Amino acid sequence: MDSLLPPKYSPKIKYIDEPLSDDTLAKHKLNLVIANRKSEKTLLRQCPRGPELLLQYQESEESGQASAPPLLHLSPTKQSGALLLIFVNTRRSRFEMLQTAAKLWKEAAKHQASSIALSTLGFEPEESHALLDALLAAVLAGNAQLPSFKSKADKHPLKSLTLLHGSASRYATTLATQAGNHLARWLTTLPPNKLDCVRYRQALQELAGHHGWQSEFLDISNLKKQKAGAFLAVSRANAHSQAGIMRLSYRGQSHKNKQRYKVTLIGKGICFDTGGINLKSHKGMYDMHTDMQGSAVAVGTLLALSQLKVPFDIECWLALTENEIGPNAYRPQEVITAANGVTIQVVHSDAEGRMVLADTLALAARNKPDLMIDFATLTGACVSALTERMSGAFSNRFQLRDSIEAAGRNSGERVWSFPMDSDFDTELDSPLADIMQCTMDNKGDHILAARFLNRFVPEDIPWVHIDLSSASKTGGLAHIPTEITGFGIRWAVEFITRHTFN
């Protein structure tokens, strides 16, 4: 594998504004249908191959084996491709729609079909489009190739997708966010001997070339000049001196006489986290090659927004290093000075994420963006508070809370806003420095981590911090079938576009 970027693969997508018919079934190897549970038998009678579906439905009812939601399966014939139909209730949340779509795709994947048609039955137009959007997202996520170093490569059977009752403009955001999610999951899945911070920087520079982004790398020498002591403390145990902060820039095509709006995305890119001198256990260290997922989500969001050709400017700042163990590793009780002059009393070397983010936030803020968002797999406390089903949100603007959570509901990537009251700062009072890195007892660490980061964001810049407790979930989450979820890109695109234009 010469390039660390995902290979180019995308099934051909066609949009046909017509109802499901015998002709549609005949043209596709597999047909996936989401139907309204409110009028099951009536819809089945109207559906192609209706008598077969109705018989199967009645038999499942009589046997008491009907699933919830009911799923019907017809095998292919000489005149028709296979058909999978699932019934759902109306007015489902976007997360529930994605879950349903994932259930349907799990069965559909067994067919390894080369051509698939997606359709709905019995819904009003808006709900039909939302369900098709979820189904499209699930099919694309399920087909997205992830890194494999097996001697026999996996093949992509799916060549074409047809969406009934749709148009390309309806699903542009779904396609863009899926591209970003695929990139994020791909990068996060790469093993640590393939994606160290050195090769990560090279991959990002290659990606910037593909998409016309500007790139700049702040290396160790530059960071010393910037007095970025918090980042440098974490990186100093590395066997190399090639860690640093990558800045990628996209320039939107805004109106000439309009003030340019700038969004800054920031990501934690710890390519492997040993815990440092406070060494992790084997179990705790096993998946620490994924501790760079925040940076992957940030760059995946940049990719999605640039594919949508948003009219505002975007900067993406990625803190790239390892957190290693060695004679030069930073230690508890050291006092470190960050780029904005704030002094930090180190408590635990495994709280390295907030250290590299501190300097990255401070440096990114110098460009005076209109909105800053950072993503990080930061604390186990957030997982304890929310499980892996939602991620935690924090902001220095209380008035953003409703729109932050609404973006989660609308995108299906749910977030929950935690308090950011200033009295939490007393927990981080230090006898030696301006602030303690964390506390000894870990109580409320997700909140304290956010309050720590708040010290490195100027008060006049609106800022949102996303603690990615949903970064990994056994069995996947919503429409994502893999343990590594790439969570955050659908949320970010929804939040940023609505926040920017409202």
Protein backbone atom coordinates (compact mmCIF):
# COMPACT_ATOMS: atom_id res chain seq x y z
CA MET A 1 0.00 0.00 0.00
CA ASP A 2 1.93 3.03 -1.29
CA SER A 3 -0.65 5.63 -0.33
CA LEU A 4 -2.27 5.70 3.08
CA LEU A 5 -5.45 7.22 1.64
CA PRO A 6 -8.51 5.09 0.83
CA PRO A 7 -8.74 3.80 -2.75
CA LYS A 8 -11.20 5.48 -5.06
CA TYR A 9 -14.39 3.47 -5.16
CA SER A 10 -17.97 4.57 -5.56
CA PRO A 11 -20.92 2.71 -7.03
CA LYS A 12 -22.70 4.48 -9.86
CA ILE A 13 -25.80 6.19 -8.45
CA LYS A 14 -28.93 6.83 -10.52
CA TYR A 15 -32.02 8.77 -9.48
CA ILE A 16 -35.41 7.88 -10.96
CA ASP A 17 -38.60 9.65 -9.93
CA GLU A 18 -41.01 6.74 -10.35
CA PRO A 19 -42.76 4.19 -8.12
CA LEU A 20 -41.56 0.65 -7.43
CA SER A 21 -42.67 -1.63 -10.28
CA ASP A 22 -42.16 -5.08 -11.81
CA ASP A 23 -39.76 -3.41 -14.25
CA THR A 24 -37.65 -2.04 -11.37
CA LEU A 25 -37.47 -5.48 -9.77
CA ALA A 26 -36.40 -7.03 -13.06
CA LYS A 27 -33.57 -4.54 -13.65
CA HIS A 28 -31.87 -4.93 -10.25
CA LYS A 29 -30.28 -7.91 -8.55
CA LEU A 30 -31.63 -6.71 -5.20
CA ASN A 31 -34.45 -4.34 -4.25
CA LEU A 32 -34.61 -2.77 -0.79
CA VAL A 33 -37.94 -1.33 0.34
CA ILE A 34 -38.94 0.53 3.54
CA ALA A 35 -42.74 0.46 3.95
CA ASN A 36 -45.20 2.20 6.25
CA ARG A 37 -46.34 -0.11 9.02
CA LYS A 38 -49.61 1.81 9.35
CA SER A 39 -51.21 0.00 6.39
CA GLU A 40 -49.18 -3.16 5.94
CA LYS A 41 -51.57 -5.46 4.07
CA THR A 42 -52.87 -2.73 1.75
CA LEU A 43 -49.32 -1.79 0.73
CA LEU A 44 -48.35 -5.40 0.18
CA ARG A 45 -51.26 -5.87 -2.21
CA GLN A 46 -50.07 -2.81 -4.17
CA CYS A 47 -46.43 -3.88 -4.21
CA PRO A 48 -44.86 -5.87 -7.06
CA ARG A 49 -44.85 -9.59 -6.12
CA GLY A 50 -47.53 -8.57 -3.65
CA PRO A 51 -49.26 -11.98 -3.28
CA GLU A 52 -45.95 -13.63 -2.29
CA LEU A 53 -45.19 -10.87 0.21
CA LEU A 54 -48.67 -10.99 1.69
CA LEU A 55 -48.50 -14.76 2.11
CA GLN A 56 -45.10 -14.53 3.84
CA TYR A 57 -46.37 -11.76 6.11
CA GLN A 58 -49.48 -13.72 7.14
CA GLU A 59 -47.41 -16.85 7.82
CA SER A 60 -45.02 -14.89 10.07
CA GLU A 61 -47.98 -13.39 11.92
CA GLU A 62 -49.60 -16.78 12.49
CA SER A 63 -46.37 -18.36 13.67
CA GLY A 64 -45.67 -15.47 16.03
CA GLN A 65 -42.21 -15.08 14.46
CA ALA A 66 -42.72 -11.63 12.96
CA SER A 67 -39.70 -9.48 13.71
CA ALA A 68 -39.95 -5.96 15.05
CA PRO A 69 -39.91 -4.18 12.70
CA PRO A 70 -41.18 -6.95 10.36
CA LEU A 71 -38.73 -7.96 7.62
CA LEU A 72 -39.87 -9.85 4.51
CA HIS A 73 -37.51 -11.56 2.06
CA LEU A 74 -38.26 -12.83 -1.45
CA SER A 75 -35.63 -14.77 -3.40
CA PRO A 76 -34.80 -13.84 -6.99
CA THR A 77 -36.65 -15.42 -9.94
CA LYS A 78 -36.03 -15.44 -13.69
CA GLN A 79 -38.20 -12.34 -14.01
CA SER A 80 -37.21 -10.51 -10.83
CA GLY A 81 -34.33 -9.69 -8.56
CA ALA A 82 -34.46 -10.46 -4.84
CA LEU A 83 -36.60 -8.23 -2.64
CA LEU A 84 -36.15 -7.22 0.99
CA LEU A 85 -38.95 -5.21 2.60
CA ILE A 86 -38.99 -3.84 6.11
CA PHE A 87 -41.97 -2.17 7.84
CA VAL A 88 -41.45 0.81 10.12
CA ASN A 89 -43.64 3.22 12.03
CA THR A 90 -43.93 6.82 10.89
CA ARG A 91 -42.34 9.79 12.67
CA ARG A 92 -39.19 7.98 13.64
CA SER A 93 -36.14 9.95 14.74
CA ARG A 94 -33.23 10.28 12.31
CA PHE A 95 -31.18 7.95 14.52
CA GLU A 96 -33.96 5.34 14.42
CA MET A 97 -34.17 5.69 10.63
CA LEU A 98 -30.43 5.01 10.37
CA GLN A 99 -30.77 2.02 12.70
CA THR A 100 -33.59 0.57 10.57
CA ALA A 101 -31.57 1.12 7.40
CA ALA A 102 -28.60 -0.67 8.98
CA LYS A 103 -30.81 -3.65 9.87
CA LEU A 104 -32.05 -3.87 6.28
CA TRP A 105 -28.52 -3.55 4.90
CA LYS A 106 -27.22 -6.29 7.20
CA GLU A 107 -29.57 -8.72 5.46
CA ALA A 108 -28.95 -7.19 2.05
CA ALA A 109 -25.18 -7.58 2.32
CA LYS A 110 -25.54 -11.36 2.30
CA HIS A 111 -26.68 -11.18 -1.34
CA GLN A 112 -23.49 -9.49 -2.58
CA ALA A 113 -25.60 -7.93 -5.32
CA SER A 114 -24.02 -5.91 -8.12
CA SER A 115 -27.06 -3.66 -8.60
CA ILE A 116 -29.47 -2.46 -5.91
CA ALA A 117 -32.62 -0.33 -6.03
CA LEU A 118 -33.77 1.66 -2.98
CA SER A 119 -37.38 2.71 -2.50
CA THR A 120 -40.16 3.44 0.02
CA LEU A 121 -43.87 2.65 0.17
CA GLY A 122 -46.71 4.55 1.82
CA PHE A 123 -44.94 7.67 3.15
CA GLU A 124 -45.39 11.38 2.57
CA PRO A 125 -42.63 12.85 0.35
CA GLU A 126 -40.50 14.38 3.11
CA GLU A 127 -40.47 11.25 5.24
CA SER A 128 -39.83 9.14 2.16
CA HIS A 129 -36.77 11.25 1.32
CA ALA A 130 -35.49 11.02 4.90
CA LEU A 131 -35.82 7.23 4.88
CA LEU A 132 -34.11 6.94 1.50
CA ASP A 133 -31.35 9.21 2.80
CA ALA A 134 -30.84 6.84 5.74
CA LEU A 135 -30.88 3.79 3.49
CA LEU A 136 -28.39 5.34 1.08
CA ALA A 137 -26.11 6.22 4.01
CA ALA A 138 -26.29 2.65 5.36
CA VAL A 139 -25.55 1.05 1.98
CA LEU A 140 -22.58 3.33 1.32
CA ALA A 141 -21.20 2.89 4.85
CA GLY A 142 -21.55 -0.88 4.57
CA ASN A 143 -19.70 -0.90 1.24
CA ALA A 144 -16.91 1.46 2.24
CA GLN A 145 -13.65 -0.45 2.04
CA LEU A 146 -11.45 -0.30 5.13
CA PRO A 147 -7.73 -1.12 5.36
CA SER A 148 -6.88 -4.80 4.99
CA PHE A 149 -3.44 -6.36 4.87
CA LYS A 150 -4.70 -9.87 4.12
CA SER A 151 -3.04 -11.77 1.28
CA LYS A 152 -6.42 -12.03 -0.51
CA ALA A 153 -8.11 -8.69 -1.01
CA ASP A 154 -11.85 -8.23 -0.56
CA LYS A 155 -13.88 -7.41 -3.65
CA HIS A 156 -16.62 -4.82 -4.16
CA PRO A 157 -19.64 -6.58 -5.66
CA LEU A 158 -21.85 -3.46 -5.70
CA LYS A 159 -21.55 -1.58 -9.00
CA SER A 160 -24.71 0.53 -9.15
CA LEU A 161 -27.41 2.01 -6.92
CA THR A 162 -30.78 3.32 -8.05
CA LEU A 163 -32.88 5.61 -5.85
CA LEU A 164 -36.57 5.84 -6.66
CA HIS A 165 -38.52 9.04 -5.89
CA GLY A 166 -35.32 11.10 -5.67
CA SER A 167 -32.97 13.61 -7.27
CA ALA A 168 -29.23 14.14 -6.98
CA SER A 169 -29.57 17.46 -5.13
CA ARG A 170 -31.58 15.75 -2.38
CA TYR A 171 -28.72 13.48 -1.41
CA ALA A 172 -25.62 15.63 -1.97
CA THR A 173 -25.06 16.05 1.76
CA THR A 174 -25.38 12.30 2.36
CA LEU A 175 -22.76 11.56 -0.29
CA ALA A 176 -20.39 14.23 1.06
CA THR A 177 -20.70 13.18 4.70
CA GLN A 178 -20.23 9.54 3.74
CA ALA A 179 -17.01 10.43 1.90
CA GLY A 180 -15.81 12.21 5.02
CA ASN A 181 -16.87 9.35 7.29
CA HIS A 182 -15.12 6.80 5.08
CA LEU A 183 -11.90 8.83 5.20
CA ALA A 184 -12.12 9.12 8.99
CA ARG A 185 -12.77 5.41 9.52
CA TRP A 186 -10.07 4.43 7.04
CA LEU A 187 -7.38 6.55 8.70
CA THR A 188 -8.40 5.46 12.20
CA THR A 189 -8.32 1.77 11.25
CA LEU A 190 -4.74 1.91 9.95
CA PRO A 191 -2.32 0.09 12.29
CA PRO A 192 0.25 2.18 14.17
CA ASN A 193 3.24 0.89 12.18
CA LYS A 194 1.52 2.19 9.02
CA LEU A 195 0.12 5.48 10.32
CA ASP A 196 2.60 7.15 12.62
CA CYS A 197 2.56 10.92 12.85
CA VAL A 198 5.25 11.20 10.16
CA ARG A 199 3.32 9.27 7.51
CA TYR A 200 0.06 10.86 8.68
CA ARG A 201 1.46 14.26 7.78
CA GLN A 202 2.48 12.95 4.35
CA ALA A 203 -0.99 11.48 3.76
CA LEU A 204 -2.63 14.78 4.71
CA GLN A 205 -0.37 16.68 2.32
CA GLU A 206 -1.31 14.23 -0.43
CA LEU A 207 -4.98 14.71 0.41
CA ALA A 208 -4.58 18.49 0.29
CA GLY A 209 -3.11 18.17 -3.20
CA HIS A 210 -6.08 16.10 -4.38
CA HIS A 211 -8.63 18.65 -3.16
CA GLY A 212 -6.88 21.96 -3.75
CA TRP A 213 -6.41 22.78 -0.06
CA GLN A 214 -3.47 24.82 1.15
CA SER A 215 -1.28 23.07 3.70
CA GLU A 216 1.26 24.22 6.26
CA PHE A 217 3.12 22.13 8.81
CA LEU A 218 4.29 23.66 12.08
CA ASP A 219 7.24 21.45 12.99
CA ILE A 220 9.09 21.16 16.30
CA SER A 221 11.39 24.06 15.46
CA ASN A 222 8.46 26.30 14.62
CA LEU A 223 6.52 25.24 17.73
CA LYS A 224 9.52 26.11 19.89
CA LYS A 225 9.44 29.61 18.39
CA GLN A 226 5.70 29.75 19.14
CA LYS A 227 6.51 28.66 22.75
CA ALA A 228 4.01 25.80 22.42
CA GLY A 229 5.30 24.05 25.53
CA ALA A 230 2.22 21.89 26.12
CA PHE A 231 2.47 20.16 22.71
CA LEU A 232 6.25 19.90 22.97
CA ALA A 233 6.03 18.23 26.39
CA VAL A 234 3.95 15.38 24.94
CA SER A 235 6.11 14.93 21.83
CA ARG A 236 9.51 14.99 23.48
CA ALA A 237 9.65 11.24 24.24
CA ASN A 238 9.25 10.37 20.55
CA ALA A 239 12.15 8.56 18.91
CA HIS A 240 11.98 11.17 16.12
CA SER A 241 11.54 14.94 16.02
CA GLN A 242 8.93 15.07 13.26
CA ALA A 243 5.75 15.64 15.27
CA GLY A 244 3.89 18.89 14.76
CA ILE A 245 0.65 20.64 13.90
CA MET A 246 -0.79 20.45 10.38
CA ARG A 247 -2.95 23.30 9.09
CA LEU A 248 -5.17 22.66 6.05
CA SER A 249 -7.12 25.53 4.47
CA TYR A 250 -10.15 25.63 2.17
CA ARG A 251 -11.30 28.91 0.67
CA GLY A 252 -14.99 29.16 -0.15
CA GLN A 253 -16.44 31.09 -3.07
CA SER A 254 -18.37 33.77 -1.17
CA HIS A 255 -19.98 36.88 -2.60
CA LYS A 256 -17.51 39.67 -3.42
CA ASN A 257 -18.92 42.36 -1.15
CA LYS A 258 -19.68 40.05 1.75
CA GLN A 259 -17.45 39.66 4.79
CA ARG A 260 -15.77 36.26 4.72
CA TYR A 261 -16.88 33.79 7.38
CA LYS A 262 -14.26 31.43 8.78
CA VAL A 263 -14.79 28.11 10.56
CA THR A 264 -11.84 26.41 12.28
CA LEU A 265 -11.83 22.66 12.90
CA ILE A 266 -9.33 21.16 15.35
CA GLY A 267 -8.50 17.51 15.97
CA LYS A 268 -6.51 15.47 18.43
CA GLY A 269 -4.09 13.34 16.41
CA ILE A 270 -2.30 11.11 18.92
CA CYS A 271 -1.20 8.32 16.57
CA PHE A 272 -0.38 6.01 19.48
CA ASP A 273 -0.92 6.63 23.17
CA THR A 274 1.13 4.53 25.60
CA GLY A 275 -0.01 6.76 28.46
CA GLY A 276 3.55 8.04 28.77
CA ILE A 277 5.35 7.68 32.10
CA ASN A 278 1.94 6.87 33.68
CA LEU A 279 1.87 3.77 31.48
CA LYS A 280 -1.45 2.27 30.43
CA SER A 281 -2.33 -1.38 31.03
CA HIS A 282 -2.33 -3.82 28.10
CA LYS A 283 -6.12 -3.64 27.83
CA GLY A 284 -6.10 0.14 28.02
CA MET A 285 -3.35 0.43 25.39
CA TYR A 286 -4.66 -2.15 22.90
CA ASP A 287 -6.68 0.24 20.72
CA MET A 288 -4.60 3.36 21.27
CA HIS A 289 -3.70 3.60 17.58
CA THR A 290 -7.26 4.99 17.30
CA ASP A 291 -6.52 7.92 19.62
CA MET A 292 -6.10 10.09 16.51
CA GLN A 293 -9.77 9.72 15.54
CA GLY A 294 -10.55 13.32 16.51
CA SER A 295 -8.14 14.54 13.84
CA ALA A 296 -9.63 12.09 11.32
CA VAL A 297 -13.12 13.43 12.06
CA ALA A 298 -11.89 17.02 11.65
CA VAL A 299 -10.32 16.32 8.26
CA GLY A 300 -13.33 14.20 7.24
CA THR A 301 -15.55 17.19 8.04
CA LEU A 302 -13.28 19.42 5.94
CA LEU A 303 -13.61 16.94 3.06
CA ALA A 304 -17.41 16.83 3.33
CA LEU A 305 -17.79 20.62 3.46
CA SER A 306 -15.40 21.19 0.57
CA GLN A 307 -17.24 18.60 -1.55
CA LEU A 308 -20.41 20.57 -0.82
CA LYS A 309 -18.56 23.71 -1.99
CA VAL A 310 -19.65 25.72 1.03
CA PRO A 311 -19.16 29.47 0.53
CA PHE A 312 -17.18 30.12 3.72
CA ASP A 313 -13.51 29.56 4.61
CA ILE A 314 -12.35 26.58 6.66
CA GLU A 315 -9.12 25.96 8.52
CA CYS A 316 -8.35 22.51 9.89
CA TRP A 317 -5.67 22.26 12.59
CA LEU A 318 -4.45 18.75 13.47
CA ALA A 319 -2.16 17.99 16.42
CA LEU A 320 0.01 15.07 15.24
CA THR A 321 2.28 13.18 17.60
CA GLU A 322 2.65 10.01 19.63
CA ASN A 323 2.59 9.88 23.43
CA GLU A 324 5.55 7.62 24.10
CA ILE A 325 7.43 6.31 27.10
CA GLY A 326 11.15 7.00 27.52
CA PRO A 327 13.79 8.94 29.42
CA ASN A 328 12.60 12.22 27.94
CA ALA A 329 8.89 11.70 28.68
CA TYR A 330 7.15 14.52 30.51
CA ARG A 331 6.33 13.79 34.14
CA PRO A 332 3.82 14.63 36.87
CA GLN A 333 4.54 17.88 38.73
CA GLU A 334 6.32 19.50 35.81
CA VAL A 335 5.19 23.05 35.07
CA ILE A 336 4.73 23.72 31.37
CA THR A 337 4.03 27.04 29.59
CA ALA A 338 1.56 26.93 26.69
CA ALA A 339 1.60 29.11 23.56
CA ASN A 340 -0.79 31.68 25.07
CA GLY A 341 1.37 32.06 28.19
CA VAL A 342 -0.82 29.98 30.52
CA THR A 343 1.27 27.80 32.87
CA ILE A 344 0.16 24.21 33.48
CA GLN A 345 0.95 21.93 36.42
CA VAL A 346 1.19 18.40 35.01
CA VAL A 347 -0.70 15.79 37.01
CA HIS A 348 -0.84 12.73 34.74
CA SER A 349 1.04 11.98 31.51
CA ASP A 350 -1.98 10.12 30.12
CA ALA A 351 -3.95 13.37 29.98
CA GLU A 352 -1.89 14.24 26.90
CA GLY A 353 -4.84 15.01 24.62
CA ARG A 354 -5.75 18.20 26.44
CA MET A 355 -2.09 19.24 26.37
CA VAL A 356 -1.70 19.07 22.58
CA LEU A 357 -5.14 20.59 22.07
CA ALA A 358 -4.29 23.48 24.39
CA ASP A 359 -1.55 24.79 22.11
CA THR A 360 -3.45 23.91 18.94
CA LEU A 361 -6.48 25.87 20.12
CA ALA A 362 -4.34 28.82 21.16
CA LEU A 363 -2.47 28.95 17.84
CA ALA A 364 -5.59 28.46 15.71
CA ALA A 365 -7.38 31.24 17.62
CA ARG A 366 -4.76 33.78 16.48
CA ASN A 367 -6.40 33.73 13.03
CA LYS A 368 -9.63 34.97 14.65
CA PRO A 369 -12.18 32.51 13.26
CA ASP A 370 -15.91 33.11 13.61
CA LEU A 371 -16.42 29.59 15.01
CA MET A 372 -14.07 26.95 16.44
CA ILE A 373 -14.93 23.26 16.88
CA ASP A 374 -12.55 20.65 18.24
CA PHE A 375 -12.93 16.86 18.18
CA ALA A 376 -11.11 14.48 20.50
CA THR A 377 -11.28 11.02 21.99
CA LEU A 378 -10.51 12.78 25.23
CA THR A 379 -11.93 11.18 28.37
CA GLY A 380 -13.20 7.88 29.67
CA ALA A 381 -15.45 9.91 31.96
CA CYS A 382 -17.58 10.94 28.98
CA VAL A 383 -18.04 7.28 28.02
CA SER A 384 -19.04 6.53 31.60
CA ALA A 385 -21.58 9.37 31.52
CA LEU A 386 -23.16 8.67 28.11
CA THR A 387 -21.97 5.20 27.01
CA GLU A 388 -20.82 4.97 23.39
CA ARG A 389 -24.25 5.83 21.97
CA MET A 390 -23.83 9.61 22.22
CA SER A 391 -20.93 12.02 22.38
CA GLY A 392 -20.44 14.89 24.80
CA ALA A 393 -20.66 18.55 23.78
CA PHE A 394 -19.33 21.62 25.57
CA SER A 395 -19.40 25.26 24.53
CA ASN A 396 -18.38 28.67 25.78
CA ARG A 397 -21.72 29.94 24.44
CA PHE A 398 -24.71 28.70 26.44
CA GLN A 399 -27.05 29.93 23.70
CA LEU A 400 -25.58 27.36 21.27
CA ARG A 401 -26.75 24.44 23.40
CA ASP A 402 -30.11 23.97 21.65
CA SER A 403 -28.63 24.13 18.15
CA ILE A 404 -25.80 21.75 19.14
CA GLU A 405 -28.29 19.12 20.28
CA ALA A 406 -30.71 19.81 17.41
CA ALA A 407 -27.87 19.09 14.96
CA GLY A 408 -27.46 15.73 16.69
CA ARG A 409 -31.14 14.90 16.33
CA ASN A 410 -31.28 16.06 12.71
CA SER A 411 -28.15 14.20 11.65
CA GLY A 412 -28.65 11.02 13.67
CA GLU A 413 -25.28 11.55 15.42
CA ARG A 414 -26.58 12.43 18.85
CA VAL A 415 -24.73 14.68 21.27
CA TRP A 416 -25.52 15.84 24.78
CA SER A 417 -24.45 19.20 26.19
CA PHE A 418 -22.72 19.20 29.58
CA PRO A 419 -22.40 22.16 31.95
CA MET A 420 -19.57 24.63 31.51
CA ASP A 421 -20.09 26.78 34.63
CA SER A 422 -17.00 28.65 35.75
CA ASP A 423 -17.13 27.35 39.34
CA PHE A 424 -15.77 24.01 38.07
CA ASP A 425 -12.46 25.85 37.65
CA THR A 426 -11.80 25.67 41.39
CA GLU A 427 -11.14 21.92 40.92
CA LEU A 428 -8.18 22.86 38.70
CA ASP A 429 -6.66 25.48 40.99
CA SER A 430 -2.90 24.90 41.24
CA PRO A 431 -0.49 25.96 43.98
CA LEU A 432 2.32 26.14 41.41
CA ALA A 433 0.86 27.26 38.10
CA ASP A 434 -2.10 29.02 36.48
CA ILE A 435 -4.02 25.76 36.12
CA MET A 436 -3.74 22.06 36.84
CA GLN A 437 -3.87 19.71 33.88
CA CYS A 438 -6.45 17.47 35.59
CA THR A 439 -7.26 16.16 39.06
CA MET A 440 -6.07 13.03 40.84
CA ASP A 441 -9.49 11.45 41.37
CA ASN A 442 -10.86 11.71 37.78
CA LYS A 443 -14.27 12.83 39.07
CA GLY A 444 -16.15 14.70 36.31
CA ASP A 445 -13.03 14.62 34.16
CA HIS A 446 -14.93 15.26 30.92
CA ILE A 447 -16.22 18.55 32.33
CA LEU A 448 -12.86 19.50 33.84
CA ALA A 449 -11.09 18.71 30.56
CA ALA A 450 -13.44 21.10 28.78
CA ARG A 451 -12.87 23.78 31.43
CA PHE A 452 -9.11 23.26 31.00
CA LEU A 453 -9.36 23.71 27.21
CA ASN A 454 -11.49 26.81 27.74
CA ARG A 455 -8.38 28.59 29.08
CA PHE A 456 -6.86 28.44 25.59
CA VAL A 457 -9.81 29.85 23.65
CA PRO A 458 -10.30 33.65 23.65
CA GLU A 459 -13.66 34.68 25.08
CA ASP A 460 -14.68 36.50 21.90
CA ILE A 461 -14.57 33.32 19.75
CA PRO A 462 -17.56 30.94 19.85
CA TRP A 463 -16.18 27.45 20.53
CA VAL A 464 -17.60 23.93 20.71
CA HIS A 465 -15.70 20.95 22.10
CA ILE A 466 -16.86 17.43 21.17
CA ASP A 467 -15.63 14.62 23.43
CA LEU A 468 -15.99 11.60 21.13
CA SER A 469 -17.37 8.97 23.48
CA SER A 470 -19.05 7.48 20.37
CA ALA A 471 -15.79 7.03 18.47
CA SER A 472 -15.88 3.26 18.97
CA LYS A 473 -18.82 0.98 19.68
CA THR A 474 -18.96 -2.80 19.52
CA GLY A 475 -21.35 -3.77 16.74
CA GLY A 476 -21.31 -0.28 15.21
CA LEU A 477 -23.65 2.66 15.73
CA ALA A 478 -26.70 3.82 13.76
CA HIS A 479 -25.87 3.11 10.08
CA ILE A 480 -22.15 2.44 10.66
CA PRO A 481 -21.48 -1.33 10.85
CA THR A 482 -17.89 -1.19 12.15
CA GLU A 483 -16.59 -0.69 15.69
CA ILE A 484 -14.73 2.44 14.57
CA THR A 485 -17.59 4.81 13.81
CA GLY A 486 -16.06 8.03 12.48
CA PHE A 487 -18.74 9.77 14.57
CA GLY A 488 -19.03 13.52 14.25
CA ILE A 489 -19.01 14.39 10.55
CA ARG A 490 -22.77 14.23 9.96
CA TRP A 491 -23.25 16.24 13.15
CA ALA A 492 -20.63 18.83 12.20
CA VAL A 493 -21.94 19.42 8.68
CA GLU A 494 -25.48 19.84 10.02
CA PHE A 495 -24.41 22.16 12.84
CA ILE A 496 -21.97 24.29 10.83
CA THR A 497 -24.20 24.84 7.81
CA ARG A 498 -27.21 25.79 9.94
CA HIS A 499 -25.17 27.92 12.34
CA THR A 500 -23.44 29.73 9.48
CA PHE A 501 -26.50 30.56 7.41
CA ASN A 502 -29.00 31.28 10.20
